[in-house]
Amino acid sequence: HLWKTLRYPGRTFSTVSPARYARRLYQWV
């Protein structure tokens, strides 16, 4: 997660905390 935060600033990627992941997928639906 830390590496991707640096590698993809301002973009969304899959490796985030479980709480954020769950919230984001719900919001997608």
All heavy atoms as atom14 arrays in JSON, in Angstrom:
{
  "sequence": "HLWKTLRYPGRTFSTVSPARYARRLYQWV",
  "atom14_mask": [
    [1, 1, 1, 1, 1, 1, 1, 1, 1, 1, 0, 0, 0, 0],
    [1, 1, 1, 1, 1, 1, 1, 1, 0, 0, 0, 0, 0, 0],
    [1, 1, 1, 1, 1, 1, 1, 1, 1, 1, 1, 1, 1, 1],
    [1, 1, 1, 1, 1, 1, 1, 1, 1, 0, 0, 0, 0, 0],
    [1, 1, 1, 1, 1, 1, 1, 0, 0, 0, 0, 0, 0, 0],
    [1, 1, 1, 1, 1, 1, 1, 1, 0, 0, 0, 0, 0, 0],
    [1, 1, 1, 1, 1, 1, 1, 1, 1, 1, 1, 0, 0, 0],
    [1, 1, 1, 1, 1, 1, 1, 1, 1, 1, 1, 1, 0, 0],
    [1, 1, 1, 1, 1, 1, 1, 0, 0, 0, 0, 0, 0, 0],
    [1, 1, 1, 1, 0, 0, 0, 0, 0, 0, 0, 0, 0, 0],
    [1, 1, 1, 1, 1, 1, 1, 1, 1, 1, 1, 0, 0, 0],
    [1, 1, 1, 1, 1, 1, 1, 0, 0, 0, 0, 0, 0, 0],
    [1, 1, 1, 1, 1, 1, 1, 1, 1, 1, 1, 0, 0, 0],
    [1, 1, 1, 1, 1, 1, 0, 0, 0, 0, 0, 0, 0, 0],
    [1, 1, 1, 1, 1, 1, 1, 0, 0, 0, 0, 0, 0, 0],
    [1, 1, 1, 1, 1, 1, 1, 0, 0, 0, 0, 0, 0, 0],
    [1, 1, 1, 1, 1, 1, 0, 0, 0, 0, 0, 0, 0, 0],
    [1, 1, 1, 1, 1, 1, 1, 0, 0, 0, 0, 0, 0, 0],
    [1, 1, 1, 1, 1, 0, 0, 0, 0, 0, 0, 0, 0, 0],
    [1, 1, 1, 1, 1, 1, 1, 1, 1, 1, 1, 0, 0, 0],
    [1, 1, 1, 1, 1, 1, 1, 1, 1, 1, 1, 1, 0, 0],
    [1, 1, 1, 1, 1, 0, 0, 0, 0, 0, 0, 0, 0, 0],
    [1, 1, 1, 1, 1, 1, 1, 1, 1, 1, 1, 0, 0, 0],
    [1, 1, 1, 1, 1, 1, 1, 1, 1, 1, 1, 0, 0, 0],
    [1, 1, 1, 1, 1, 1, 1, 1, 0, 0, 0, 0, 0, 0],
    [1, 1, 1, 1, 1, 1, 1, 1, 1, 1, 1, 1, 0, 0],
    [1, 1, 1, 1, 1, 1, 1, 1, 1, 0, 0, 0, 0, 0],
    [1, 1, 1, 1, 1, 1, 1, 1, 1, 1, 1, 1, 1, 1],
    [1, 1, 1, 1, 1, 1, 1, 0, 0, 0, 0, 0, 0, 0]
  ],
  "atom14_positions": [
    [[0.83, -1.21, 0.0], [0.0, 0.0, 0.0], [0.86, 1.26, 0.0], [0.62, 2.2, -0.76], [-0.92, -0.01, 1.21], [-1.61, 1.31, 1.45], [-2.63, 1.78, 0.65], [-1.39, 2.28, 2.38], [-3.02, 2.97, 1.08], [-2.28, 3.29, 2.12], [0.0, 0.0, 0.0], [0.0, 0.0, 0.0], [0.0, 0.0, 0.0], [0.0, 0.0, 0.0]],
    [[1.9, 1.28, 0.84], [2.79, 2.45, 0.9], [3.5, 2.66, -0.43], [3.62, 3.79, -0.93], [3.81, 2.26, 2.03], [3.24, 2.29, 3.46], [4.34, 1.97, 4.46], [2.62, 3.66, 3.76], [0.0, 0.0, 0.0], [0.0, 0.0, 0.0], [0.0, 0.0, 0.0], [0.0, 0.0, 0.0], [0.0, 0.0, 0.0], [0.0, 0.0, 0.0]],
    [[3.98, 1.57, -1.03], [4.69, 1.68, -2.31], [3.75, 2.2, -3.4], [4.13, 3.09, -4.18], [5.24, 0.31, -2.71], [5.96, 0.35, -4.02], [7.25, 0.74, -4.26], [5.41, 0.0, -5.3], [7.53, 0.66, -5.6], [6.43, 0.21, -6.27], [4.17, -0.47, -5.72], [6.23, -0.04, -7.62], [3.97, -0.72, -7.06], [4.99, -0.51, -8.0]],
    [[2.53, 1.69, -3.47], [1.6, 2.13, -4.51], [1.15, 3.57, -4.29], [0.84, 4.28, -5.25], [0.39, 1.18, -4.56], [0.73, -0.17, -5.18], [-0.51, -1.04, -5.35], [-0.18, -2.34, -6.07], [-1.36, -3.21, -6.23], [0.0, 0.0, 0.0], [0.0, 0.0, 0.0], [0.0, 0.0, 0.0], [0.0, 0.0, 0.0], [0.0, 0.0, 0.0]],
    [[1.09, 4.0, -3.04], [0.76, 5.4, -2.76], [1.78, 6.33, -3.39], [1.44, 7.39, -3.94], [0.69, 5.64, -1.24], [-0.32, 4.79, -0.68], [0.33, 7.09, -0.94], [0.0, 0.0, 0.0], [0.0, 0.0, 0.0], [0.0, 0.0, 0.0], [0.0, 0.0, 0.0], [0.0, 0.0, 0.0], [0.0, 0.0, 0.0], [0.0, 0.0, 0.0]],
    [[3.05, 5.93, -3.33], [4.11, 6.72, -3.96], [4.12, 6.54, -5.47], [4.39, 7.49, -6.22], [5.47, 6.31, -3.37], [5.66, 6.54, -1.87], [6.98, 5.95, -1.41], [5.61, 8.03, -1.54], [0.0, 0.0, 0.0], [0.0, 0.0, 0.0], [0.0, 0.0, 0.0], [0.0, 0.0, 0.0], [0.0, 0.0, 0.0], [0.0, 0.0, 0.0]],
    [[3.84, 5.34, -5.93], [3.91, 5.02, -7.35], [2.75, 5.61, -8.14], [2.91, 6.0, -9.31], [3.93, 3.49, -7.52], [3.96, 3.0, -8.97], [5.3, 3.26, -9.61], [5.35, 2.72, -10.95], [4.84, 3.3, -12.04], [4.24, 4.47, -11.92], [4.94, 2.72, -13.22], [0.0, 0.0, 0.0], [0.0, 0.0, 0.0], [0.0, 0.0, 0.0]],
    [[1.55, 5.68, -7.54], [0.36, 6.13, -8.24], [-0.33, 7.27, -7.48], [-1.47, 7.12, -7.02], [-0.63, 4.97, -8.42], [-0.06, 3.77, -9.12], [0.19, 2.59, -8.42], [0.22, 3.8, -10.48], [0.69, 1.47, -9.06], [0.74, 2.69, -11.13], [0.97, 1.53, -10.42], [1.49, 0.43, -11.06], [0.0, 0.0, 0.0], [0.0, 0.0, 0.0]],
    [[0.32, 8.41, -7.35], [-0.3, 9.51, -6.59], [-1.59, 9.99, -7.25], [-1.66, 10.17, -8.46], [0.77, 10.61, -6.63], [1.62, 10.28, -7.82], [1.63, 8.78, -7.91], [0.0, 0.0, 0.0], [0.0, 0.0, 0.0], [0.0, 0.0, 0.0], [0.0, 0.0, 0.0], [0.0, 0.0, 0.0], [0.0, 0.0, 0.0], [0.0, 0.0, 0.0]],
    [[-2.63, 10.11, -6.44], [-3.91, 10.6, -6.94], [-4.74, 9.59, -7.68], [-5.81, 9.92, -8.2], [0.0, 0.0, 0.0], [0.0, 0.0, 0.0], [0.0, 0.0, 0.0], [0.0, 0.0, 0.0], [0.0, 0.0, 0.0], [0.0, 0.0, 0.0], [0.0, 0.0, 0.0], [0.0, 0.0, 0.0], [0.0, 0.0, 0.0], [0.0, 0.0, 0.0]],
    [[-4.28, 8.33, -7.75], [-5.04, 7.3, -8.45], [-5.5, 6.22, -7.47], [-4.92, 6.06, -6.39], [-4.19, 6.66, -9.56], [-3.71, 7.66, -10.61], [-2.9, 6.97, -11.69], [-3.73, 6.07, -12.48], [-3.23, 5.17, -13.34], [-1.91, 5.07, -13.5], [-4.03, 4.39, -14.03], [0.0, 0.0, 0.0], [0.0, 0.0, 0.0], [0.0, 0.0, 0.0]],
    [[-6.53, 5.49, -7.82], [-7.04, 4.45, -6.94], [-6.5, 3.09, -7.36], [-6.43, 2.77, -8.55], [-8.58, 4.41, -6.97], [-9.02, 4.21, -8.33], [-9.16, 5.7, -6.42], [0.0, 0.0, 0.0], [0.0, 0.0, 0.0], [0.0, 0.0, 0.0], [0.0, 0.0, 0.0], [0.0, 0.0, 0.0], [0.0, 0.0, 0.0], [0.0, 0.0, 0.0]],
    [[-6.11, 2.29, -6.36], [-5.56, 0.96, -6.62], [-6.14, -0.01, -5.6], [-6.79, 0.4, -4.62], [-4.03, 0.97, -6.57], [-3.46, 1.72, -5.4], [-3.31, 1.12, -4.15], [-3.07, 3.05, -5.53], [-2.81, 1.81, -3.06], [-2.55, 3.76, -4.45], [-2.42, 3.14, -3.21], [0.0, 0.0, 0.0], [0.0, 0.0, 0.0], [0.0, 0.0, 0.0]],
    [[-5.91, -1.31, -5.8], [-6.62, -2.32, -5.01], [-6.08, -2.47, -3.59], [-6.83, -2.86, -2.7], [-6.56, -3.68, -5.73], [-5.24, -4.13, -5.84], [0.0, 0.0, 0.0], [0.0, 0.0, 0.0], [0.0, 0.0, 0.0], [0.0, 0.0, 0.0], [0.0, 0.0, 0.0], [0.0, 0.0, 0.0], [0.0, 0.0, 0.0], [0.0, 0.0, 0.0]],
    [[-4.8, -2.19, -3.37], [-4.2, -2.48, -2.07], [-4.41, -1.33, -1.1], [-3.57, -0.43, -0.98], [-2.7, -2.79, -2.23], [-2.51, -3.71, -3.29], [-2.14, -3.39, -0.95], [0.0, 0.0, 0.0], [0.0, 0.0, 0.0], [0.0, 0.0, 0.0], [0.0, 0.0, 0.0], [0.0, 0.0, 0.0], [0.0, 0.0, 0.0], [0.0, 0.0, 0.0]],
    [[-5.55, -1.36, -0.43], [-5.88, -0.37, 0.6], [-6.4, -1.12, 1.82], [-6.59, -2.34, 1.78], [-6.94, 0.64, 0.09], [-6.39, 1.48, -1.04], [-8.21, -0.08, -0.35], [0.0, 0.0, 0.0], [0.0, 0.0, 0.0], [0.0, 0.0, 0.0], [0.0, 0.0, 0.0], [0.0, 0.0, 0.0], [0.0, 0.0, 0.0], [0.0, 0.0, 0.0]],
    [[-6.63, -0.42, 2.9], [-7.1, -1.08, 4.13], [-8.44, -1.77, 3.88], [-9.22, -1.33, 3.02], [-7.25, -0.06, 5.25], [-8.36, 0.78, 5.01], [0.0, 0.0, 0.0], [0.0, 0.0, 0.0], [0.0, 0.0, 0.0], [0.0, 0.0, 0.0], [0.0, 0.0, 0.0], [0.0, 0.0, 0.0], [0.0, 0.0, 0.0], [0.0, 0.0, 0.0]],
    [[-8.75, -2.85, 4.62], [-10.04, -3.53, 4.43], [-11.24, -2.61, 4.6], [-12.24, -2.76, 3.89], [-10.0, -4.62, 5.51], [-8.54, -4.94, 5.66], [-7.84, -3.61, 5.51], [0.0, 0.0, 0.0], [0.0, 0.0, 0.0], [0.0, 0.0, 0.0], [0.0, 0.0, 0.0], [0.0, 0.0, 0.0], [0.0, 0.0, 0.0], [0.0, 0.0, 0.0]],
    [[-11.16, -1.65, 5.53], [-12.29, -0.73, 5.72], [-12.49, 0.14, 4.49], [-13.63, 0.32, 4.01], [-12.05, 0.14, 6.95], [0.0, 0.0, 0.0], [0.0, 0.0, 0.0], [0.0, 0.0, 0.0], [0.0, 0.0, 0.0], [0.0, 0.0, 0.0], [0.0, 0.0, 0.0], [0.0, 0.0, 0.0], [0.0, 0.0, 0.0], [0.0, 0.0, 0.0]],
    [[-11.41, 0.66, 3.95], [-11.51, 1.5, 2.76], [-11.92, 0.69, 1.54], [-12.72, 1.14, 0.71], [-10.17, 2.19, 2.5], [-10.2, 3.2, 1.36], [-8.87, 3.9, 1.23], [-8.83, 4.78, 0.08], [-7.73, 5.43, -0.34], [-6.6, 5.29, 0.34], [-7.77, 6.19, -1.4], [0.0, 0.0, 0.0], [0.0, 0.0, 0.0], [0.0, 0.0, 0.0]],
    [[-11.41, -0.53, 1.44], [-11.74, -1.4, 0.31], [-13.24, -1.7, 0.31], [-13.91, -1.6, -0.74], [-10.94, -2.7, 0.4], [-10.93, -3.48, -0.88], [-9.88, -3.36, -1.78], [-11.98, -4.33, -1.22], [-9.86, -4.07, -2.97], [-11.99, -5.04, -2.4], [-10.92, -4.9, -3.28], [-10.92, -5.6, -4.46], [0.0, 0.0, 0.0], [0.0, 0.0, 0.0]],
    [[-13.78, -2.07, 1.48], [-15.2, -2.39, 1.58], [-16.07, -1.18, 1.23], [-17.05, -1.3, 0.48], [-15.51, -2.87, 2.99], [0.0, 0.0, 0.0], [0.0, 0.0, 0.0], [0.0, 0.0, 0.0], [0.0, 0.0, 0.0], [0.0, 0.0, 0.0], [0.0, 0.0, 0.0], [0.0, 0.0, 0.0], [0.0, 0.0, 0.0], [0.0, 0.0, 0.0]],
    [[-15.71, -0.03, 1.77], [-16.49, 1.18, 1.52], [-16.46, 1.55, 0.04], [-17.49, 1.9, -0.55], [-15.93, 2.33, 2.36], [-16.69, 3.65, 2.2], [-16.21, 4.67, 3.22], [-14.8, 5.01, 3.06], [-13.84, 4.62, 3.88], [-14.12, 3.87, 4.93], [-12.58, 4.97, 3.67], [0.0, 0.0, 0.0], [0.0, 0.0, 0.0], [0.0, 0.0, 0.0]],
    [[-15.31, 1.43, -0.59], [-15.16, 1.82, -2.0], [-15.94, 0.9, -2.93], [-16.58, 1.36, -3.89], [-13.67, 1.83, -2.36], [-13.36, 2.46, -3.7], [-11.86, 2.57, -3.89], [-11.22, 1.27, -3.93], [-9.89, 1.09, -3.94], [-9.09, 2.13, -3.87], [-9.39, -0.11, -3.99], [0.0, 0.0, 0.0], [0.0, 0.0, 0.0], [0.0, 0.0, 0.0]],
    [[-15.93, -0.41, -2.65], [-16.67, -1.32, -3.51], [-18.18, -1.12, -3.35], [-18.93, -1.17, -4.33], [-16.29, -2.78, -3.19], [-16.81, -3.83, -4.18], [-16.36, -3.53, -5.61], [-16.37, -5.23, -3.77], [0.0, 0.0, 0.0], [0.0, 0.0, 0.0], [0.0, 0.0, 0.0], [0.0, 0.0, 0.0], [0.0, 0.0, 0.0], [0.0, 0.0, 0.0]],
    [[-18.62, -0.87, -2.13], [-20.04, -0.55, -1.91], [-20.41, 0.71, -2.7], [-21.47, 0.76, -3.35], [-20.32, -0.34, -0.43], [-21.73, 0.16, -0.16], [-22.79, -0.73, -0.03], [-22.0, 1.53, -0.09], [-24.09, -0.28, 0.19], [-23.29, 1.98, 0.12], [-24.33, 1.08, 0.26], [-25.61, 1.53, 0.46], [0.0, 0.0, 0.0], [0.0, 0.0, 0.0]],
    [[-19.57, 1.73, -2.65], [-19.86, 2.97, -3.36], [-19.88, 2.76, -4.87], [-20.64, 3.42, -5.58], [-18.82, 4.04, -2.98], [-18.97, 4.53, -1.54], [-17.82, 5.41, -1.09], [-16.74, 5.43, -1.7], [-18.04, 6.17, -0.02], [0.0, 0.0, 0.0], [0.0, 0.0, 0.0], [0.0, 0.0, 0.0], [0.0, 0.0, 0.0], [0.0, 0.0, 0.0]],
    [[-19.05, 1.85, -5.37], [-19.08, 1.53, -6.8], [-20.46, 0.97, -7.18], [-21.05, 1.38, -8.2], [-17.98, 0.52, -7.15], [-17.88, 0.27, -8.63], [-17.03, 0.85, -9.51], [-18.69, -0.64, -9.41], [-17.25, 0.4, -10.79], [-18.27, -0.52, -10.75], [-19.73, -1.52, -9.11], [-18.84, -1.25, -11.79], [-20.31, -2.25, -10.14], [-19.86, -2.12, -11.46]],
    [[-20.97, 0.04, -6.39], [-22.29, -0.55, -6.68], [-23.37, 0.53, -6.59], [-24.27, 0.6, -7.45], [-22.59, -1.71, -5.71], [-24.01, -2.22, -5.92], [-21.58, -2.84, -5.92], [0.0, 0.0, 0.0], [0.0, 0.0, 0.0], [0.0, 0.0, 0.0], [0.0, 0.0, 0.0], [0.0, 0.0, 0.0], [0.0, 0.0, 0.0], [0.0, 0.0, 0.0]]
  ]
}
